[in-house]
Amino acid sequence: MSTNTPNEKGTPQSRTYTVNDIAAILGIGLASVYKPANSGLFKTIHISRKSFEEWLKVEENSEIQG
């Protein structure tokens, strides 16, 4: 589970959960999590591992150069 820190006003920011996190929290199987996620019941985003790793490389390179 990933929890963001509060912003400067002390307002908690959103939390993000993986499918595995939700399954563990609710004590259900992955298929039971994917069904409502895929139906639109939950707001979801999907970032592929390849896409994330490419983005991360760019960020790391910009930090080294900057």
PDB file of N, CA and C in Angstrom:
ATOM      1  N   MET A   1       0.849  -1.169   0.000  1.00  0.00           N
ATOM      2  CA  MET A   1       0.000   0.000   0.000  1.00  0.00           C
ATOM      3  C   MET A   1       0.894   1.232   0.000  1.00  0.00           C
ATOM      4  N   SER A   2       0.506   2.208  -0.739  1.00  0.00           N
ATOM      5  CA  SER A   2       1.262   3.452  -0.805  1.00  0.00           C
ATOM      6  C   SER A   2       0.402   4.571  -0.248  1.00  0.00           C
ATOM      7  N   THR A   3       0.932   5.301   0.716  1.00  0.00           N
ATOM      8  CA  THR A   3       0.205   6.420   1.299  1.00  0.00           C
ATOM      9  C   THR A   3       1.037   7.670   1.134  1.00  0.00           C
ATOM     10  N   ASN A   4       0.437   8.690   0.569  1.00  0.00           N
ATOM     11  CA  ASN A   4       1.144   9.950   0.411  1.00  0.00           C
ATOM     12  C   ASN A   4       1.074  10.744   1.700  1.00  0.00           C
ATOM     13  N   THR A   5       2.043  11.603   1.911  1.00  0.00           N
ATOM     14  CA  THR A   5       2.069  12.445   3.101  1.00  0.00           C
ATOM     15  C   THR A   5       1.092  13.600   2.931  1.00  0.00           C
ATOM     16  N   PRO A   6       0.638  14.193   4.031  1.00  0.00           N
ATOM     17  CA  PRO A   6      -0.261  15.344   3.923  1.00  0.00           C
ATOM     18  C   PRO A   6       0.422  16.511   3.212  1.00  0.00           C
ATOM     19  N   ASN A   7      -0.383  17.324   2.536  1.00  0.00           N
ATOM     20  CA  ASN A   7       0.175  18.511   1.877  1.00  0.00           C
ATOM     21  C   ASN A   7       0.423  19.593   2.916  1.00  0.00           C
ATOM     22  N   GLU A   8       0.856  20.775   2.459  1.00  0.00           N
ATOM     23  CA  GLU A   8       1.219  21.843   3.396  1.00  0.00           C
ATOM     24  C   GLU A   8       0.053  22.316   4.268  1.00  0.00           C
ATOM     25  N   LYS A   9      -1.186  22.075   3.827  1.00  0.00           N
ATOM     26  CA  LYS A   9      -2.350  22.457   4.624  1.00  0.00           C
ATOM     27  C   LYS A   9      -2.753  21.356   5.603  1.00  0.00           C
ATOM     28  N   GLY A  10      -2.033  20.241   5.555  1.00  0.00           N
ATOM     29  CA  GLY A  10      -2.343  19.129   6.444  1.00  0.00           C
ATOM     30  C   GLY A  10      -3.436  18.225   5.919  1.00  0.00           C
ATOM     31  N   THR A  11      -3.898  18.471   4.689  1.00  0.00           N
ATOM     32  CA  THR A  11      -4.945  17.649   4.103  1.00  0.00           C
ATOM     33  C   THR A  11      -4.328  16.366   3.555  1.00  0.00           C
ATOM     34  N   PRO A  12      -4.829  15.213   3.984  1.00  0.00           N
ATOM     35  CA  PRO A  12      -4.260  13.964   3.463  1.00  0.00           C
ATOM     36  C   PRO A  12      -4.491  13.859   1.964  1.00  0.00           C
ATOM     37  N   GLN A  13      -3.492  13.388   1.258  1.00  0.00           N
ATOM     38  CA  GLN A  13      -3.627  13.178  -0.170  1.00  0.00           C
ATOM     39  C   GLN A  13      -4.144  11.769  -0.412  1.00  0.00           C
ATOM     40  N   SER A  14      -4.434  11.451  -1.656  1.00  0.00           N
ATOM     41  CA  SER A  14      -5.039  10.159  -1.970  1.00  0.00           C
ATOM     42  C   SER A  14      -4.098   9.005  -1.671  1.00  0.00           C
ATOM     43  N   ARG A  15      -4.686   7.863  -1.458  1.00  0.00           N
ATOM     44  CA  ARG A  15      -3.941   6.630  -1.243  1.00  0.00           C
ATOM     45  C   ARG A  15      -4.070   5.787  -2.493  1.00  0.00           C
ATOM     46  N   THR A  16      -3.066   5.022  -2.776  1.00  0.00           N
ATOM     47  CA  THR A  16      -3.126   4.110  -3.911  1.00  0.00           C
ATOM     48  C   THR A  16      -2.913   2.689  -3.424  1.00  0.00           C
ATOM     49  N   TYR A  17      -3.616   1.776  -4.053  1.00  0.00           N
ATOM     50  CA  TYR A  17      -3.537   0.368  -3.697  1.00  0.00           C
ATOM     51  C   TYR A  17      -3.361  -0.464  -4.949  1.00  0.00           C
ATOM     52  N   THR A  18      -2.597  -1.522  -4.840  1.00  0.00           N
ATOM     53  CA  THR A  18      -2.499  -2.483  -5.928  1.00  0.00           C
ATOM     54  C   THR A  18      -3.646  -3.474  -5.785  1.00  0.00           C
ATOM     55  N   VAL A  19      -3.855  -4.260  -6.836  1.00  0.00           N
ATOM     56  CA  VAL A  19      -4.873  -5.308  -6.774  1.00  0.00           C
ATOM     57  C   VAL A  19      -4.543  -6.273  -5.638  1.00  0.00           C
ATOM     58  N   ASN A  20      -3.275  -6.580  -5.474  1.00  0.00           N
ATOM     59  CA  ASN A  20      -2.869  -7.477  -4.379  1.00  0.00           C
ATOM     60  C   ASN A  20      -3.163  -6.865  -3.020  1.00  0.00           C
ATOM     61  N   ASP A  21      -2.950  -5.548  -2.872  1.00  0.00           N
ATOM     62  CA  ASP A  21      -3.266  -4.863  -1.610  1.00  0.00           C
ATOM     63  C   ASP A  21      -4.746  -5.014  -1.280  1.00  0.00           C
ATOM     64  N   ILE A  22      -5.591  -4.732  -2.262  1.00  0.00           N
ATOM     65  CA  ILE A  22      -7.043  -4.783  -2.030  1.00  0.00           C
ATOM     66  C   ILE A  22      -7.473  -6.200  -1.672  1.00  0.00           C
ATOM     67  N   ALA A  23      -6.933  -7.181  -2.386  1.00  0.00           N
ATOM     68  CA  ALA A  23      -7.274  -8.578  -2.091  1.00  0.00           C
ATOM     69  C   ALA A  23      -6.895  -8.941  -0.661  1.00  0.00           C
ATOM     70  N   ALA A  24      -5.716  -8.506  -0.223  1.00  0.00           N
ATOM     71  CA  ALA A  24      -5.260  -8.808   1.140  1.00  0.00           C
ATOM     72  C   ALA A  24      -6.104  -8.073   2.177  1.00  0.00           C
ATOM     73  N   ILE A  25      -6.410  -6.806   1.932  1.00  0.00           N
ATOM     74  CA  ILE A  25      -7.212  -6.021   2.875  1.00  0.00           C
ATOM     75  C   ILE A  25      -8.592  -6.630   3.053  1.00  0.00           C
ATOM     76  N   LEU A  26      -9.203  -7.039   1.940  1.00  0.00           N
ATOM     77  CA  LEU A  26     -10.566  -7.573   1.994  1.00  0.00           C
ATOM     78  C   LEU A  26     -10.618  -9.075   2.226  1.00  0.00           C
ATOM     79  N   GLY A  27      -9.459  -9.750   2.146  1.00  0.00           N
ATOM     80  CA  GLY A  27      -9.430 -11.196   2.350  1.00  0.00           C
ATOM     81  C   GLY A  27     -10.127 -11.954   1.236  1.00  0.00           C
ATOM     82  N   ILE A  28      -9.973 -11.474  -0.009  1.00  0.00           N
ATOM     83  CA  ILE A  28     -10.612 -12.116  -1.160  1.00  0.00           C
ATOM     84  C   ILE A  28      -9.552 -12.410  -2.219  1.00  0.00           C
ATOM     85  N   GLY A  29      -9.940 -13.170  -3.221  1.00  0.00           N
ATOM     86  CA  GLY A  29      -9.025 -13.519  -4.301  1.00  0.00           C
ATOM     87  C   GLY A  29      -8.881 -12.401  -5.317  1.00  0.00           C
ATOM     88  N   LEU A  30      -7.856 -12.527  -6.135  1.00  0.00           N
ATOM     89  CA  LEU A  30      -7.595 -11.502  -7.150  1.00  0.00           C
ATOM     90  C   LEU A  30      -8.743 -11.362  -8.144  1.00  0.00           C
ATOM     91  N   ALA A  31      -9.348 -12.479  -8.538  1.00  0.00           N
ATOM     92  CA  ALA A  31     -10.464 -12.418  -9.487  1.00  0.00           C
ATOM     93  C   ALA A  31     -11.618 -11.590  -8.923  1.00  0.00           C
ATOM     94  N   SER A  32     -11.816 -11.681  -7.609  1.00  0.00           N
ATOM     95  CA  SER A  32     -12.881 -10.913  -6.967  1.00  0.00           C
ATOM     96  C   SER A  32     -12.573  -9.426  -6.912  1.00  0.00           C
ATOM     97  N   VAL A  33     -11.306  -9.070  -7.012  1.00  0.00           N
ATOM     98  CA  VAL A  33     -10.912  -7.661  -7.058  1.00  0.00           C
ATOM     99  C   VAL A  33     -10.983  -7.143  -8.494  1.00  0.00           C
ATOM    100  N   TYR A  34     -10.518  -7.958  -9.435  1.00  0.00           N
ATOM    101  CA  TYR A  34     -10.504  -7.527 -10.833  1.00  0.00           C
ATOM    102  C   TYR A  34     -11.914  -7.290 -11.380  1.00  0.00           C
ATOM    103  N   LYS A  35     -12.882  -8.075 -10.933  1.00  0.00           N
ATOM    104  CA  LYS A  35     -14.247  -7.950 -11.477  1.00  0.00           C
ATOM    105  C   LYS A  35     -14.809  -6.542 -11.275  1.00  0.00           C
ATOM    106  N   PRO A  36     -14.867  -5.998 -10.049  1.00  0.00           N
ATOM    107  CA  PRO A  36     -15.388  -4.626  -9.901  1.00  0.00           C
ATOM    108  C   PRO A  36     -14.445  -3.563 -10.482  1.00  0.00           C
ATOM    109  N   ALA A  37     -13.139  -3.844 -10.452  1.00  0.00           N
ATOM    110  CA  ALA A  37     -12.189  -2.878 -11.028  1.00  0.00           C
ATOM    111  C   ALA A  37     -12.419  -2.748 -12.531  1.00  0.00           C
ATOM    112  N   ASN A  38     -12.599  -3.858 -13.198  1.00  0.00           N
ATOM    113  CA  ASN A  38     -12.808  -3.838 -14.647  1.00  0.00           C
ATOM    114  C   ASN A  38     -14.196  -3.353 -15.035  1.00  0.00           C
ATOM    115  N   SER A  39     -15.147  -3.410 -14.109  1.00  0.00           N
ATOM    116  CA  SER A  39     -16.519  -2.963 -14.413  1.00  0.00           C
ATOM    117  C   SER A  39     -16.667  -1.443 -14.307  1.00  0.00           C
ATOM    118  N   GLY A  40     -15.652  -0.780 -13.745  1.00  0.00           N
ATOM    119  CA  GLY A  40     -15.734   0.666 -13.579  1.00  0.00           C
ATOM    120  C   GLY A  40     -16.192   1.086 -12.190  1.00  0.00           C
ATOM    121  N   LEU A  41     -16.444   0.126 -11.317  1.00  0.00           N
ATOM    122  CA  LEU A  41     -16.879   0.442  -9.956  1.00  0.00           C
ATOM    123  C   LEU A  41     -15.794   1.219  -9.200  1.00  0.00           C
ATOM    124  N   PHE A  42     -14.536   0.858  -9.419  1.00  0.00           N
ATOM    125  CA  PHE A  42     -13.403   1.551  -8.820  1.00  0.00           C
ATOM    126  C   PHE A  42     -12.733   2.412  -9.873  1.00  0.00           C
ATOM    127  N   LYS A  43     -12.211   3.546  -9.476  1.00  0.00           N
ATOM    128  CA  LYS A  43     -11.382   4.338 -10.374  1.00  0.00           C
ATOM    129  C   LYS A  43     -10.017   3.669 -10.405  1.00  0.00           C
ATOM    130  N   THR A  44      -9.575   3.286 -11.595  1.00  0.00           N
ATOM    131  CA  THR A  44      -8.310   2.579 -11.712  1.00  0.00           C
ATOM    132  C   THR A  44      -7.434   3.204 -12.788  1.00  0.00           C
ATOM    133  N   ILE A  45      -6.140   2.983 -12.636  1.00  0.00           N
ATOM    134  CA  ILE A  45      -5.190   3.306 -13.690  1.00  0.00           C
ATOM    135  C   ILE A  45      -4.246   2.121 -13.824  1.00  0.00           C
ATOM    136  N   HIS A  46      -3.725   1.939 -14.999  1.00  0.00           N
ATOM    137  CA  HIS A  46      -2.762   0.865 -15.222  1.00  0.00           C
ATOM    138  C   HIS A  46      -1.531   1.468 -15.863  1.00  0.00           C
ATOM    139  N   ILE A  47      -0.401   1.217 -15.268  1.00  0.00           N
ATOM    140  CA  ILE A  47       0.871   1.654 -15.817  1.00  0.00           C
ATOM    141  C   ILE A  47       1.713   0.401 -16.009  1.00  0.00           C
ATOM    142  N   SER A  48       2.091   0.139 -17.244  1.00  0.00           N
ATOM    143  CA  SER A  48       2.877  -1.068 -17.496  1.00  0.00           C
ATOM    144  C   SER A  48       4.261  -0.930 -16.870  1.00  0.00           C
ATOM    145  N   ARG A  49       4.839  -2.044 -16.524  1.00  0.00           N
ATOM    146  CA  ARG A  49       6.180  -2.047 -15.926  1.00  0.00           C
ATOM    147  C   ARG A  49       7.181  -1.410 -16.891  1.00  0.00           C
ATOM    148  N   LYS A  50       7.084  -1.748 -18.179  1.00  0.00           N
ATOM    149  CA  LYS A  50       8.007  -1.205 -19.181  1.00  0.00           C
ATOM    150  C   LYS A  50       7.881   0.319 -19.253  1.00  0.00           C
ATOM    151  N   SER A  51       6.656   0.805 -19.301  1.00  0.00           N
ATOM    152  CA  SER A  51       6.428   2.248 -19.371  1.00  0.00           C
ATOM    153  C   SER A  51       6.983   2.947 -18.138  1.00  0.00           C
ATOM    154  N   PHE A  52       6.742   2.377 -16.970  1.00  0.00           N
ATOM    155  CA  PHE A  52       7.234   2.965 -15.732  1.00  0.00           C
ATOM    156  C   PHE A  52       8.760   2.977 -15.704  1.00  0.00           C
ATOM    157  N   GLU A  53       9.372   1.881 -16.101  1.00  0.00           N
ATOM    158  CA  GLU A  53      10.836   1.807 -16.080  1.00  0.00           C
ATOM    159  C   GLU A  53      11.462   2.798 -17.057  1.00  0.00           C
ATOM    160  N   GLU A  54      10.835   2.993 -18.223  1.00  0.00           N
ATOM    161  CA  GLU A  54      11.331   3.989 -19.174  1.00  0.00           C
ATOM    162  C   GLU A  54      11.228   5.388 -18.578  1.00  0.00           C
ATOM    163  N   TRP A  55      10.100   5.691 -17.938  1.00  0.00           N
ATOM    164  CA  TRP A  55       9.918   7.001 -17.300  1.00  0.00           C
ATOM    165  C   TRP A  55      10.953   7.201 -16.196  1.00  0.00           C
ATOM    166  N   LEU A  56      11.191   6.161 -15.414  1.00  0.00           N
ATOM    167  CA  LEU A  56      12.133   6.244 -14.307  1.00  0.00           C
ATOM    168  C   LEU A  56      13.549   6.524 -14.811  1.00  0.00           C
ATOM    169  N   LYS A  57      13.940   5.894 -15.905  1.00  0.00           N
ATOM    170  CA  LYS A  57      15.259   6.146 -16.489  1.00  0.00           C
ATOM    171  C   LYS A  57      15.415   7.615 -16.875  1.00  0.00           C
ATOM    172  N   VAL A  58      14.400   8.166 -17.503  1.00  0.00           N
ATOM    173  CA  VAL A  58      14.440   9.573 -17.910  1.00  0.00           C
ATOM    174  C   VAL A  58      14.585  10.463 -16.679  1.00  0.00           C
ATOM    175  N   GLU A  59      13.831  10.170 -15.633  1.00  0.00           N
ATOM    176  CA  GLU A  59      13.901  10.961 -14.395  1.00  0.00           C
ATOM    177  C   GLU A  59      15.280  10.860 -13.757  1.00  0.00           C
ATOM    178  N   GLU A  60      15.826   9.650 -13.699  1.00  0.00           N
ATOM    179  CA  GLU A  60      17.153   9.472 -13.098  1.00  0.00           C
ATOM    180  C   GLU A  60      18.218  10.215 -13.897  1.00  0.00           C
ATOM    181  N   ASN A  61      18.126  10.166 -15.221  1.00  0.00           N
ATOM    182  CA  ASN A  61      19.086  10.856 -16.069  1.00  0.00           C
ATOM    183  C   ASN A  61      18.976  12.369 -15.916  1.00  0.00           C
ATOM    184  N   SER A  62      17.763  12.877 -15.759  1.00  0.00           N
ATOM    185  CA  SER A  62      17.597  14.325 -15.614  1.00  0.00           C
ATOM    186  C   SER A  62      18.135  14.799 -14.263  1.00  0.00           C
ATOM    187  N   GLU A  63      18.043  13.964 -13.225  1.00  0.00           N
ATOM    188  CA  GLU A  63      18.593  14.320 -11.920  1.00  0.00           C
ATOM    189  C   GLU A  63      20.119  14.348 -11.968  1.00  0.00           C
ATOM    190  N   ILE A  64      20.699  13.417 -12.698  1.00  0.00           N
ATOM    191  CA  ILE A  64      22.158  13.354 -12.815  1.00  0.00           C
ATOM    192  C   ILE A  64      22.672  14.577 -13.570  1.00  0.00           C
ATOM    193  N   GLN A  65      21.965  14.963 -14.617  1.00  0.00           N
ATOM    194  CA  GLN A  65      22.390  16.088 -15.455  1.00  0.00           C
ATOM    195  C   GLN A  65      22.070  17.436 -14.826  1.00  0.00           C
ATOM    196  N   GLY A  66      21.034  17.475 -14.000  1.00  0.00           N
ATOM    197  CA  GLY A  66      20.570  18.755 -13.468  1.00  0.00           C
ATOM    198  C   GLY A  66      21.115  19.067 -12.152  1.00  0.00           C
TER     199      GLY A  66
END
